[in-house]
Amino acid sequence: MNKKTLIAAIGFAISSLSAMAQTQPIAIAIHGGAGTIEKSRFTPEQEKAYRAKLKEAVEVGYKVLESGGESLD
């Protein structure tokens, strides 16, 4: 294999890896608590607010990852 072919192959491999990295699926897991608050102690309004905040956390996290941010942001 000559030098030009080798350089072209390396360039192609790097660009393929870069494209793969951009198309990776996003997965988010959130922890909604460790069981310190029993569901029976929530009023319907509190549960609604709690679930809204969990949903907000997922949506914000997704936007960070979708825009190229890292999971530790």
N, C-alpha and C. Protein backbone atom coordinates (compact mmCIF):
# COMPACT_ATOMS: atom_id res chain seq x y z
N MET A 1 0.86 -1.17 0.00
CA MET A 1 0.00 0.00 0.00
C MET A 1 0.91 1.23 0.00
N ASN A 2 0.64 2.15 -0.91
CA ASN A 2 1.48 3.34 -0.95
C ASN A 2 1.00 4.38 0.06
N LYS A 3 1.83 5.38 0.23
CA LYS A 3 1.57 6.41 1.26
C LYS A 3 0.25 7.14 1.03
N LYS A 4 -0.05 7.50 -0.21
CA LYS A 4 -1.28 8.24 -0.50
C LYS A 4 -2.52 7.41 -0.17
N THR A 5 -2.48 6.14 -0.50
CA THR A 5 -3.61 5.25 -0.21
C THR A 5 -3.81 5.10 1.29
N LEU A 6 -2.69 4.95 2.00
CA LEU A 6 -2.76 4.81 3.46
C LEU A 6 -3.35 6.07 4.10
N ILE A 7 -2.89 7.23 3.67
CA ILE A 7 -3.41 8.49 4.21
C ILE A 7 -4.89 8.64 3.89
N ALA A 8 -5.29 8.27 2.68
CA ALA A 8 -6.70 8.35 2.30
C ALA A 8 -7.54 7.40 3.15
N ALA A 9 -7.03 6.19 3.39
CA ALA A 9 -7.76 5.21 4.20
C ALA A 9 -7.92 5.70 5.64
N ILE A 10 -6.86 6.27 6.19
CA ILE A 10 -6.93 6.79 7.56
C ILE A 10 -7.92 7.95 7.63
N GLY A 11 -7.87 8.83 6.64
CA GLY A 11 -8.82 9.96 6.61
C GLY A 11 -10.26 9.49 6.52
N PHE A 12 -10.49 8.47 5.69
CA PHE A 12 -11.84 7.92 5.57
C PHE A 12 -12.30 7.30 6.88
N ALA A 13 -11.41 6.57 7.54
CA ALA A 13 -11.76 5.93 8.81
C ALA A 13 -12.10 6.97 9.86
N ILE A 14 -11.32 8.02 9.93
CA ILE A 14 -11.57 9.09 10.91
C ILE A 14 -12.89 9.78 10.62
N SER A 15 -13.15 10.08 9.36
CA SER A 15 -14.42 10.76 9.03
C SER A 15 -15.61 9.85 9.30
N SER A 16 -15.45 8.55 9.09
CA SER A 16 -16.53 7.61 9.39
C SER A 16 -16.82 7.56 10.88
N LEU A 17 -15.77 7.54 11.69
CA LEU A 17 -15.95 7.54 13.14
C LEU A 17 -16.63 8.82 13.60
N SER A 18 -16.24 9.93 13.00
CA SER A 18 -16.84 11.21 13.36
C SER A 18 -18.33 11.21 13.03
N ALA A 19 -18.69 10.69 11.88
CA ALA A 19 -20.10 10.63 11.48
C ALA A 19 -20.88 9.70 12.40
N MET A 20 -20.27 8.59 12.80
CA MET A 20 -20.94 7.66 13.71
C MET A 20 -21.20 8.32 15.06
N ALA A 21 -20.24 9.08 15.53
CA ALA A 21 -20.39 9.74 16.83
C ALA A 21 -21.56 10.72 16.81
N GLN A 22 -21.80 11.33 15.67
CA GLN A 22 -22.87 12.31 15.58
C GLN A 22 -24.25 11.67 15.51
N THR A 23 -24.31 10.39 15.16
CA THR A 23 -25.61 9.75 15.02
C THR A 23 -25.93 8.79 16.17
N GLN A 24 -25.17 8.85 17.24
CA GLN A 24 -25.44 7.98 18.38
C GLN A 24 -26.77 8.37 19.01
N PRO A 25 -27.55 7.39 19.40
CA PRO A 25 -28.82 7.70 20.05
C PRO A 25 -28.60 8.30 21.44
N ILE A 26 -29.55 9.06 21.88
CA ILE A 26 -29.48 9.69 23.20
C ILE A 26 -30.37 8.90 24.15
N ALA A 27 -29.83 8.60 25.30
CA ALA A 27 -30.61 7.91 26.33
C ALA A 27 -30.43 8.67 27.63
N ILE A 28 -31.51 8.89 28.33
CA ILE A 28 -31.47 9.61 29.60
C ILE A 28 -32.20 8.79 30.65
N ALA A 29 -31.58 8.68 31.79
CA ALA A 29 -32.22 8.03 32.94
C ALA A 29 -32.20 9.02 34.09
N ILE A 30 -33.32 9.19 34.73
CA ILE A 30 -33.37 10.07 35.89
C ILE A 30 -33.84 9.27 37.09
N HIS A 31 -33.46 9.72 38.24
CA HIS A 31 -33.84 9.05 39.48
C HIS A 31 -34.85 9.95 40.17
N GLY A 32 -36.05 9.44 40.35
CA GLY A 32 -37.12 10.24 40.92
C GLY A 32 -37.20 10.21 42.44
N GLY A 33 -36.18 9.72 43.08
CA GLY A 33 -36.17 9.68 44.54
C GLY A 33 -35.82 8.29 45.05
N ALA A 34 -35.51 8.22 46.31
CA ALA A 34 -35.08 6.96 46.90
C ALA A 34 -36.14 6.38 47.83
N GLY A 35 -37.37 6.74 47.62
CA GLY A 35 -38.45 6.19 48.42
C GLY A 35 -38.65 6.86 49.76
N THR A 36 -38.07 8.05 49.93
CA THR A 36 -38.24 8.74 51.21
C THR A 36 -39.60 9.39 51.34
N ILE A 37 -40.24 9.63 50.21
CA ILE A 37 -41.59 10.21 50.24
C ILE A 37 -42.53 9.20 49.62
N GLU A 38 -43.44 8.68 50.39
CA GLU A 38 -44.40 7.72 49.86
C GLU A 38 -45.42 8.43 48.98
N LYS A 39 -45.80 7.78 47.91
CA LYS A 39 -46.76 8.37 46.97
C LYS A 39 -48.06 8.75 47.67
N SER A 40 -48.45 7.99 48.66
CA SER A 40 -49.70 8.27 49.37
C SER A 40 -49.66 9.59 50.13
N ARG A 41 -48.47 10.12 50.34
CA ARG A 41 -48.35 11.40 51.06
C ARG A 41 -48.41 12.62 50.14
N PHE A 42 -48.39 12.38 48.84
CA PHE A 42 -48.50 13.47 47.87
C PHE A 42 -49.97 13.84 47.69
N THR A 43 -50.22 15.13 47.63
CA THR A 43 -51.53 15.57 47.15
C THR A 43 -51.48 15.45 45.63
N PRO A 44 -52.62 15.44 44.97
CA PRO A 44 -52.60 15.39 43.50
C PRO A 44 -51.80 16.55 42.89
N GLU A 45 -51.87 17.72 43.51
CA GLU A 45 -51.14 18.88 43.01
C GLU A 45 -49.63 18.68 43.18
N GLN A 46 -49.22 18.12 44.32
CA GLN A 46 -47.80 17.88 44.55
C GLN A 46 -47.25 16.84 43.57
N GLU A 47 -48.02 15.80 43.35
CA GLU A 47 -47.58 14.77 42.40
C GLU A 47 -47.45 15.35 41.00
N LYS A 48 -48.40 16.18 40.61
CA LYS A 48 -48.36 16.82 39.30
C LYS A 48 -47.11 17.69 39.17
N ALA A 49 -46.81 18.48 40.20
CA ALA A 49 -45.62 19.35 40.18
C ALA A 49 -44.34 18.51 40.15
N TYR A 50 -44.32 17.44 40.92
CA TYR A 50 -43.16 16.54 40.97
C TYR A 50 -42.89 15.93 39.60
N ARG A 51 -43.94 15.41 38.99
CA ARG A 51 -43.79 14.81 37.66
C ARG A 51 -43.40 15.85 36.61
N ALA A 52 -43.90 17.06 36.75
CA ALA A 52 -43.54 18.12 35.80
C ALA A 52 -42.05 18.43 35.89
N LYS A 53 -41.51 18.44 37.10
CA LYS A 53 -40.07 18.71 37.27
C LYS A 53 -39.23 17.57 36.72
N LEU A 54 -39.68 16.33 36.89
CA LEU A 54 -38.96 15.19 36.31
C LEU A 54 -38.96 15.29 34.79
N LYS A 55 -40.10 15.66 34.22
CA LYS A 55 -40.20 15.82 32.77
C LYS A 55 -39.29 16.95 32.30
N GLU A 56 -39.27 18.04 33.04
CA GLU A 56 -38.40 19.17 32.70
C GLU A 56 -36.93 18.75 32.71
N ALA A 57 -36.54 17.95 33.71
CA ALA A 57 -35.15 17.48 33.80
C ALA A 57 -34.78 16.65 32.57
N VAL A 58 -35.68 15.79 32.13
CA VAL A 58 -35.43 14.97 30.94
C VAL A 58 -35.30 15.85 29.71
N GLU A 59 -36.19 16.80 29.55
CA GLU A 59 -36.18 17.67 28.37
C GLU A 59 -34.93 18.54 28.31
N VAL A 60 -34.54 19.11 29.45
CA VAL A 60 -33.34 19.94 29.49
C VAL A 60 -32.11 19.08 29.20
N GLY A 61 -32.04 17.91 29.82
CA GLY A 61 -30.92 17.01 29.57
C GLY A 61 -30.82 16.59 28.12
N TYR A 62 -31.94 16.31 27.51
CA TYR A 62 -31.96 15.92 26.10
C TYR A 62 -31.42 17.05 25.23
N LYS A 63 -31.85 18.27 25.51
CA LYS A 63 -31.37 19.42 24.72
C LYS A 63 -29.87 19.59 24.85
N VAL A 64 -29.34 19.39 26.06
CA VAL A 64 -27.89 19.50 26.27
C VAL A 64 -27.16 18.46 25.42
N LEU A 65 -27.60 17.22 25.49
CA LEU A 65 -26.95 16.15 24.74
C LEU A 65 -27.13 16.32 23.24
N GLU A 66 -28.31 16.73 22.82
CA GLU A 66 -28.60 16.92 21.40
C GLU A 66 -27.72 18.01 20.79
N SER A 67 -27.38 19.02 21.58
CA SER A 67 -26.56 20.12 21.07
C SER A 67 -25.06 19.87 21.25
N GLY A 68 -24.71 18.63 21.60
CA GLY A 68 -23.29 18.28 21.69
C GLY A 68 -22.70 18.38 23.08
N GLY A 69 -23.51 18.74 24.06
CA GLY A 69 -23.02 18.81 25.44
C GLY A 69 -22.72 17.43 25.99
N GLU A 70 -22.14 17.42 27.15
CA GLU A 70 -21.78 16.15 27.78
C GLU A 70 -22.74 15.83 28.91
N SER A 71 -22.75 14.58 29.30
CA SER A 71 -23.69 14.14 30.33
C SER A 71 -23.36 14.70 31.70
N LEU A 72 -22.18 15.26 31.86
CA LEU A 72 -21.81 15.83 33.15
C LEU A 72 -22.03 17.32 33.23
N ASP A 73 -22.65 17.90 32.19
CA ASP A 73 -22.94 19.35 32.19
C ASP A 73 -23.98 19.68 33.24
